[in-house]
């Protein structure tokens, strides 16, 4: 068990580093990051003003794809 306190806001974690942590510690870091990000997403419409799937995003190139 780790006895050192893990900084949640001062360190930039890589995915590999997060995967090495115990689940509870990883979840705490991710939750802190989400709290920080929430303010940005609520106050900056450019972060959410996009269409996740456009009208052309559902067409495939394979022979089994349906055409309209």
PDB file of N, CA and C in Angstrom:
ATOM      1  N   UNK A   1       0.839  -1.174   0.000  1.00  0.00           N
ATOM      2  CA  UNK A   1       0.000   0.000   0.000  1.00  0.00           C
ATOM      3  C   UNK A   1       0.884   1.238   0.000  1.00  0.00           C
ATOM      4  N   UNK A   2       0.496   2.235  -0.746  1.00  0.00           N
ATOM      5  CA  UNK A   2       1.263   3.470  -0.827  1.00  0.00           C
ATOM      6  C   UNK A   2       0.935   4.362   0.360  1.00  0.00           C
ATOM      7  N   UNK A   3       1.966   4.911   0.982  1.00  0.00           N
ATOM      8  CA  UNK A   3       1.742   5.788   2.117  1.00  0.00           C
ATOM      9  C   UNK A   3       1.903   7.250   1.745  1.00  0.00           C
ATOM     10  N   UNK A   4       2.546   7.534   0.604  1.00  0.00           N
ATOM     11  CA  UNK A   4       2.727   8.915   0.183  1.00  0.00           C
ATOM     12  C   UNK A   4       1.424   9.472  -0.362  1.00  0.00           C
ATOM     13  N   UNK A   5       1.252  10.764  -0.188  1.00  0.00           N
ATOM     14  CA  UNK A   5       0.049  11.406  -0.713  1.00  0.00           C
ATOM     15  C   UNK A   5       0.262  11.712  -2.187  1.00  0.00           C
ATOM     16  N   UNK A   6      -0.667  11.321  -3.020  1.00  0.00           N
ATOM     17  CA  UNK A   6      -0.557  11.540  -4.457  1.00  0.00           C
ATOM     18  C   UNK A   6      -1.132  12.891  -4.822  1.00  0.00           C
ATOM     19  N   UNK A   7      -0.338  13.743  -5.471  1.00  0.00           N
ATOM     20  CA  UNK A   7      -0.885  15.036  -5.899  1.00  0.00           C
ATOM     21  C   UNK A   7      -1.895  14.827  -7.022  1.00  0.00           C
ATOM     22  N   UNK A   8      -3.025  15.479  -6.920  1.00  0.00           N
ATOM     23  CA  UNK A   8      -4.056  15.285  -7.941  1.00  0.00           C
ATOM     24  C   UNK A   8      -4.156  16.455  -8.898  1.00  0.00           C
ATOM     25  N   UNK A   9      -3.649  17.608  -8.505  1.00  0.00           N
ATOM     26  CA  UNK A   9      -3.817  18.764  -9.366  1.00  0.00           C
ATOM     27  C   UNK A   9      -2.502  19.311  -9.908  1.00  0.00           C
ATOM     28  N   UNK A  10      -1.378  18.921  -9.345  1.00  0.00           N
ATOM     29  CA  UNK A  10      -0.110  19.504  -9.780  1.00  0.00           C
ATOM     30  C   UNK A  10       0.630  18.628 -10.778  1.00  0.00           C
ATOM     31  N   UNK A  11       0.326  17.381 -10.849  1.00  0.00           N
ATOM     32  CA  UNK A  11       1.028  16.462 -11.740  1.00  0.00           C
ATOM     33  C   UNK A  11       0.206  16.196 -12.988  1.00  0.00           C
ATOM     34  N   UNK A  12       0.875  16.126 -14.125  1.00  0.00           N
ATOM     35  CA  UNK A  12       0.210  15.713 -15.366  1.00  0.00           C
ATOM     36  C   UNK A  12       0.445  14.211 -15.503  1.00  0.00           C
ATOM     37  N   UNK A  13      -0.606  13.442 -15.295  1.00  0.00           N
ATOM     38  CA  UNK A  13      -0.508  11.986 -15.312  1.00  0.00           C
ATOM     39  C   UNK A  13      -0.607  11.466 -16.738  1.00  0.00           C
ATOM     40  N   UNK A  14       0.191  10.470 -17.038  1.00  0.00           N
ATOM     41  CA  UNK A  14       0.036   9.763 -18.306  1.00  0.00           C
ATOM     42  C   UNK A  14      -0.913   8.603 -18.072  1.00  0.00           C
ATOM     43  N   UNK A  15      -1.453   8.064 -19.143  1.00  0.00           N
ATOM     44  CA  UNK A  15      -2.345   6.905 -19.017  1.00  0.00           C
ATOM     45  C   UNK A  15      -1.598   5.733 -18.393  1.00  0.00           C
ATOM     46  N   UNK A  16      -0.351   5.540 -18.779  1.00  0.00           N
ATOM     47  CA  UNK A  16       0.444   4.432 -18.230  1.00  0.00           C
ATOM     48  C   UNK A  16       0.636   4.591 -16.722  1.00  0.00           C
ATOM     49  N   UNK A  17       0.885   5.809 -16.266  1.00  0.00           N
ATOM     50  CA  UNK A  17       1.053   6.044 -14.829  1.00  0.00           C
ATOM     51  C   UNK A  17      -0.250   5.784 -14.079  1.00  0.00           C
ATOM     52  N   UNK A  18      -1.365   6.247 -14.632  1.00  0.00           N
ATOM     53  CA  UNK A  18      -2.655   6.027 -13.982  1.00  0.00           C
ATOM     54  C   UNK A  18      -2.994   4.552 -13.882  1.00  0.00           C
ATOM     55  N   UNK A  19      -2.672   3.784 -14.920  1.00  0.00           N
ATOM     56  CA  UNK A  19      -2.973   2.348 -14.894  1.00  0.00           C
ATOM     57  C   UNK A  19      -2.208   1.620 -13.804  1.00  0.00           C
ATOM     58  N   UNK A  20      -1.072   2.136 -13.394  1.00  0.00           N
ATOM     59  CA  UNK A  20      -0.249   1.477 -12.371  1.00  0.00           C
ATOM     60  C   UNK A  20      -0.757   1.738 -10.955  1.00  0.00           C
ATOM     61  N   UNK A  21      -1.614   2.723 -10.784  1.00  0.00           N
ATOM     62  CA  UNK A  21      -2.115   3.083  -9.462  1.00  0.00           C
ATOM     63  C   UNK A  21      -3.245   2.153  -9.032  1.00  0.00           C
ATOM     64  N   UNK A  22      -3.447   2.034  -7.713  1.00  0.00           N
ATOM     65  CA  UNK A  22      -4.621   1.303  -7.229  1.00  0.00           C
ATOM     66  C   UNK A  22      -5.896   2.001  -7.710  1.00  0.00           C
ATOM     67  N   UNK A  23      -6.942   1.234  -7.891  1.00  0.00           N
ATOM     68  CA  UNK A  23      -8.193   1.763  -8.456  1.00  0.00           C
ATOM     69  C   UNK A  23      -8.724   2.956  -7.673  1.00  0.00           C
ATOM     70  N   UNK A  24      -8.715   2.916  -6.354  1.00  0.00           N
ATOM     71  CA  UNK A  24      -9.265   4.012  -5.554  1.00  0.00           C
ATOM     72  C   UNK A  24      -8.460   5.294  -5.762  1.00  0.00           C
ATOM     73  N   UNK A  25      -7.160   5.173  -5.837  1.00  0.00           N
ATOM     74  CA  UNK A  25      -6.304   6.340  -6.052  1.00  0.00           C
ATOM     75  C   UNK A  25      -6.495   6.901  -7.459  1.00  0.00           C
ATOM     76  N   UNK A  26      -6.595   6.022  -8.422  1.00  0.00           N
ATOM     77  CA  UNK A  26      -6.826   6.421  -9.818  1.00  0.00           C
ATOM     78  C   UNK A  26      -8.172   7.129  -9.948  1.00  0.00           C
ATOM     79  N   UNK A  27      -9.191   6.589  -9.310  1.00  0.00           N
ATOM     80  CA  UNK A  27     -10.518   7.201  -9.359  1.00  0.00           C
ATOM     81  C   UNK A  27     -10.517   8.588  -8.721  1.00  0.00           C
ATOM     82  N   UNK A  28      -9.785   8.763  -7.620  1.00  0.00           N
ATOM     83  CA  UNK A  28      -9.717  10.062  -6.961  1.00  0.00           C
ATOM     84  C   UNK A  28      -9.049  11.094  -7.862  1.00  0.00           C
ATOM     85  N   UNK A  29      -8.006  10.707  -8.560  1.00  0.00           N
ATOM     86  CA  UNK A  29      -7.313  11.610  -9.478  1.00  0.00           C
ATOM     87  C   UNK A  29      -8.220  11.979 -10.643  1.00  0.00           C
ATOM     88  N   UNK A  30      -8.911  11.001 -11.198  1.00  0.00           N
ATOM     89  CA  UNK A  30      -9.805  11.267 -12.323  1.00  0.00           C
ATOM     90  C   UNK A  30     -10.983  12.142 -11.898  1.00  0.00           C
ATOM     91  N   UNK A  31     -11.490  11.922 -10.689  1.00  0.00           N
ATOM     92  CA  UNK A  31     -12.592  12.742 -10.198  1.00  0.00           C
ATOM     93  C   UNK A  31     -12.141  14.193 -10.019  1.00  0.00           C
ATOM     94  N   UNK A  32     -10.951  14.400  -9.473  1.00  0.00           N
ATOM     95  CA  UNK A  32     -10.434  15.761  -9.306  1.00  0.00           C
ATOM     96  C   UNK A  32     -10.255  16.439 -10.663  1.00  0.00           C
ATOM     97  N   UNK A  33      -9.784  15.700 -11.646  1.00  0.00           N
ATOM     98  CA  UNK A  33      -9.608  16.258 -12.989  1.00  0.00           C
ATOM     99  C   UNK A  33     -10.965  16.624 -13.600  1.00  0.00           C
ATOM    100  N   UNK A  34     -11.974  15.804 -13.358  1.00  0.00           N
ATOM    101  CA  UNK A  34     -13.312  16.082 -13.889  1.00  0.00           C
ATOM    102  C   UNK A  34     -13.900  17.341 -13.267  1.00  0.00           C
ATOM    103  N   UNK A  35     -13.649  17.559 -11.976  1.00  0.00           N
ATOM    104  CA  UNK A  35     -14.145  18.759 -11.303  1.00  0.00           C
ATOM    105  C   UNK A  35     -13.519  19.999 -11.932  1.00  0.00           C
ATOM    106  N   UNK A  36     -12.228  19.945 -12.212  1.00  0.00           N
ATOM    107  CA  UNK A  36     -11.537  21.072 -12.840  1.00  0.00           C
ATOM    108  C   UNK A  36     -12.072  21.296 -14.260  1.00  0.00           C
ATOM    109  N   UNK A  37     -12.269  20.221 -15.004  1.00  0.00           N
ATOM    110  CA  UNK A  37     -12.728  20.329 -16.386  1.00  0.00           C
ATOM    111  C   UNK A  37     -14.170  20.817 -16.483  1.00  0.00           C
ATOM    112  N   UNK A  38     -14.991  20.516 -15.484  1.00  0.00           N
ATOM    113  CA  UNK A  38     -16.403  20.906 -15.538  1.00  0.00           C
ATOM    114  C   UNK A  38     -16.559  22.406 -15.736  1.00  0.00           C
ATOM    115  N   UNK A  39     -15.776  23.211 -15.036  1.00  0.00           N
ATOM    116  CA  UNK A  39     -15.862  24.660 -15.165  1.00  0.00           C
ATOM    117  C   UNK A  39     -15.582  25.086 -16.607  1.00  0.00           C
ATOM    118  N   UNK A  40     -14.556  24.504 -17.213  1.00  0.00           N
ATOM    119  CA  UNK A  40     -14.227  24.846 -18.592  1.00  0.00           C
ATOM    120  C   UNK A  40     -15.361  24.482 -19.546  1.00  0.00           C
ATOM    121  N   UNK A  41     -15.912  23.299 -19.399  1.00  0.00           N
ATOM    122  CA  UNK A  41     -16.981  22.858 -20.293  1.00  0.00           C
ATOM    123  C   UNK A  41     -18.265  23.656 -20.111  1.00  0.00           C
ATOM    124  N   UNK A  42     -18.544  24.100 -18.900  1.00  0.00           N
ATOM    125  CA  UNK A  42     -19.747  24.909 -18.664  1.00  0.00           C
ATOM    126  C   UNK A  42     -19.598  26.332 -19.192  1.00  0.00           C
ATOM    127  N   UNK A  43     -18.367  26.867 -19.180  1.00  0.00           N
ATOM    128  CA  UNK A  43     -18.155  28.274 -19.517  1.00  0.00           C
ATOM    129  C   UNK A  43     -17.573  28.515 -20.899  1.00  0.00           C
ATOM    130  N   UNK A  44     -17.199  27.482 -21.618  1.00  0.00           N
ATOM    131  CA  UNK A  44     -16.614  27.664 -22.943  1.00  0.00           C
ATOM    132  C   UNK A  44     -17.430  26.871 -23.960  1.00  0.00           C
ATOM    133  N   UNK A  45     -18.381  27.508 -24.636  1.00  0.00           N
ATOM    134  CA  UNK A  45     -19.252  26.794 -25.563  1.00  0.00           C
ATOM    135  C   UNK A  45     -18.498  26.160 -26.737  1.00  0.00           C
ATOM    136  N   UNK A  46     -17.303  26.628 -27.034  1.00  0.00           N
ATOM    137  CA  UNK A  46     -16.536  26.029 -28.131  1.00  0.00           C
ATOM    138  C   UNK A  46     -16.152  24.576 -27.835  1.00  0.00           C
ATOM    139  N   UNK A  47     -16.110  24.222 -26.561  1.00  0.00           N
ATOM    140  CA  UNK A  47     -15.758  22.852 -26.193  1.00  0.00           C
ATOM    141  C   UNK A  47     -16.903  21.872 -26.428  1.00  0.00           C
ATOM    142  N   UNK A  48     -18.120  22.389 -26.494  1.00  0.00           N
ATOM    143  CA  UNK A  48     -19.275  21.501 -26.653  1.00  0.00           C
ATOM    144  C   UNK A  48     -20.130  21.843 -27.868  1.00  0.00           C
ATOM    145  N   UNK A  49     -19.756  22.856 -28.617  1.00  0.00           N
ATOM    146  CA  UNK A  49     -20.558  23.293 -29.765  1.00  0.00           C
ATOM    147  C   UNK A  49     -20.121  22.564 -31.034  1.00  0.00           C
ATOM    148  N   UNK A  50     -20.341  21.278 -31.037  1.00  0.00           N
ATOM    149  CA  UNK A  50     -20.031  20.482 -32.212  1.00  0.00           C
ATOM    150  C   UNK A  50     -21.035  19.344 -32.295  1.00  0.00           C
ATOM    151  N   UNK A  51     -21.144  18.793 -33.453  1.00  0.00           N
ATOM    152  CA  UNK A  51     -22.048  17.677 -33.662  1.00  0.00           C
ATOM    153  C   UNK A  51     -21.233  16.394 -33.594  1.00  0.00           C
ATOM    154  N   UNK A  52     -21.558  15.530 -32.660  1.00  0.00           N
ATOM    155  CA  UNK A  52     -20.778  14.310 -32.467  1.00  0.00           C
ATOM    156  C   UNK A  52     -20.808  13.432 -33.709  1.00  0.00           C
ATOM    157  N   UNK A  53     -21.961  13.325 -34.316  1.00  0.00           N
ATOM    158  CA  UNK A  53     -22.101  12.522 -35.534  1.00  0.00           C
ATOM    159  C   UNK A  53     -22.858  13.350 -36.564  1.00  0.00           C
ATOM    160  N   UNK A  54     -22.186  13.661 -37.639  1.00  0.00           N
ATOM    161  CA  UNK A  54     -22.824  14.395 -38.717  1.00  0.00           C
ATOM    162  C   UNK A  54     -23.603  13.467 -39.624  1.00  0.00           C
ATOM    163  N   UNK A  55     -24.312  14.030 -40.560  1.00  0.00           N
ATOM    164  CA  UNK A  55     -25.149  13.219 -41.449  1.00  0.00           C
ATOM    165  C   UNK A  55     -24.327  12.266 -42.303  1.00  0.00           C
ATOM    166  N   UNK A  56     -23.071  12.573 -42.560  1.00  0.00           N
ATOM    167  CA  UNK A  56     -22.233  11.699 -43.389  1.00  0.00           C
ATOM    168  C   UNK A  56     -21.393  10.710 -42.583  1.00  0.00           C
ATOM    169  N   UNK A  57     -21.488  10.742 -41.266  1.00  0.00           N
ATOM    170  CA  UNK A  57     -20.644   9.887 -40.431  1.00  0.00           C
ATOM    171  C   UNK A  57     -21.110   8.439 -40.350  1.00  0.00           C
ATOM    172  N   UNK A  58     -22.278   8.118 -40.840  1.00  0.00           N
ATOM    173  CA  UNK A  58     -22.813   6.773 -40.696  1.00  0.00           C
ATOM    174  C   UNK A  58     -22.684   5.930 -41.960  1.00  0.00           C
ATOM    175  N   UNK A  59     -22.055   6.459 -42.974  1.00  0.00           N
ATOM    176  CA  UNK A  59     -21.885   5.714 -44.206  1.00  0.00           C
ATOM    177  C   UNK A  59     -20.551   5.000 -44.185  1.00  0.00           C
ATOM    178  N   UNK A  60     -20.552   3.745 -44.582  1.00  0.00           N
ATOM    179  CA  UNK A  60     -19.314   2.968 -44.622  1.00  0.00           C
ATOM    180  C   UNK A  60     -18.824   2.775 -46.033  1.00  0.00           C
ATOM    181  N   UNK A  61     -17.606   2.305 -46.161  1.00  0.00           N
ATOM    182  CA  UNK A  61     -17.020   2.064 -47.477  1.00  0.00           C
ATOM    183  C   UNK A  61     -17.081   0.602 -47.885  1.00  0.00           C
ATOM    184  N   UNK A  62     -17.548  -0.263 -47.003  1.00  0.00           N
ATOM    185  CA  UNK A  62     -17.554  -1.693 -47.317  1.00  0.00           C
ATOM    186  C   UNK A  62     -18.729  -2.036 -48.234  1.00  0.00           C
ATOM    187  N   UNK A  63     -18.632  -3.171 -48.866  1.00  0.00           N
ATOM    188  CA  UNK A  63     -19.693  -3.628 -49.760  1.00  0.00           C
ATOM    189  C   UNK A  63     -20.989  -3.939 -49.017  1.00  0.00           C
ATOM    190  N   UNK A  64     -20.874  -4.214 -47.720  1.00  0.00           N
ATOM    191  CA  UNK A  64     -22.073  -4.563 -46.943  1.00  0.00           C
ATOM    192  C   UNK A  64     -22.773  -3.343 -46.389  1.00  0.00           C
ATOM    193  N   UNK A  65     -22.210  -2.150 -46.565  1.00  0.00           N
ATOM    194  CA  UNK A  65     -22.828  -0.942 -46.046  1.00  0.00           C
ATOM    195  C   UNK A  65     -24.079  -0.600 -46.846  1.00  0.00           C
ATOM    196  N   UNK A  66     -25.109  -0.199 -46.147  1.00  0.00           N
ATOM    197  CA  UNK A  66     -26.339   0.204 -46.828  1.00  0.00           C
ATOM    198  C   UNK A  66     -26.135   1.561 -47.457  1.00  0.00           C
ATOM    199  N   UNK A  67     -26.796   1.779 -48.582  1.00  0.00           N
ATOM    200  CA  UNK A  67     -26.743   3.083 -49.223  1.00  0.00           C
ATOM    201  C   UNK A  67     -28.109   3.726 -49.144  1.00  0.00           C
ATOM    202  N   UNK A  68     -28.129   5.004 -49.254  1.00  0.00           N
ATOM    203  CA  UNK A  68     -29.408   5.734 -49.214  1.00  0.00           C
ATOM    204  C   UNK A  68     -29.775   6.211 -50.564  1.00  0.00           C
TER     205      UNK A  68
END
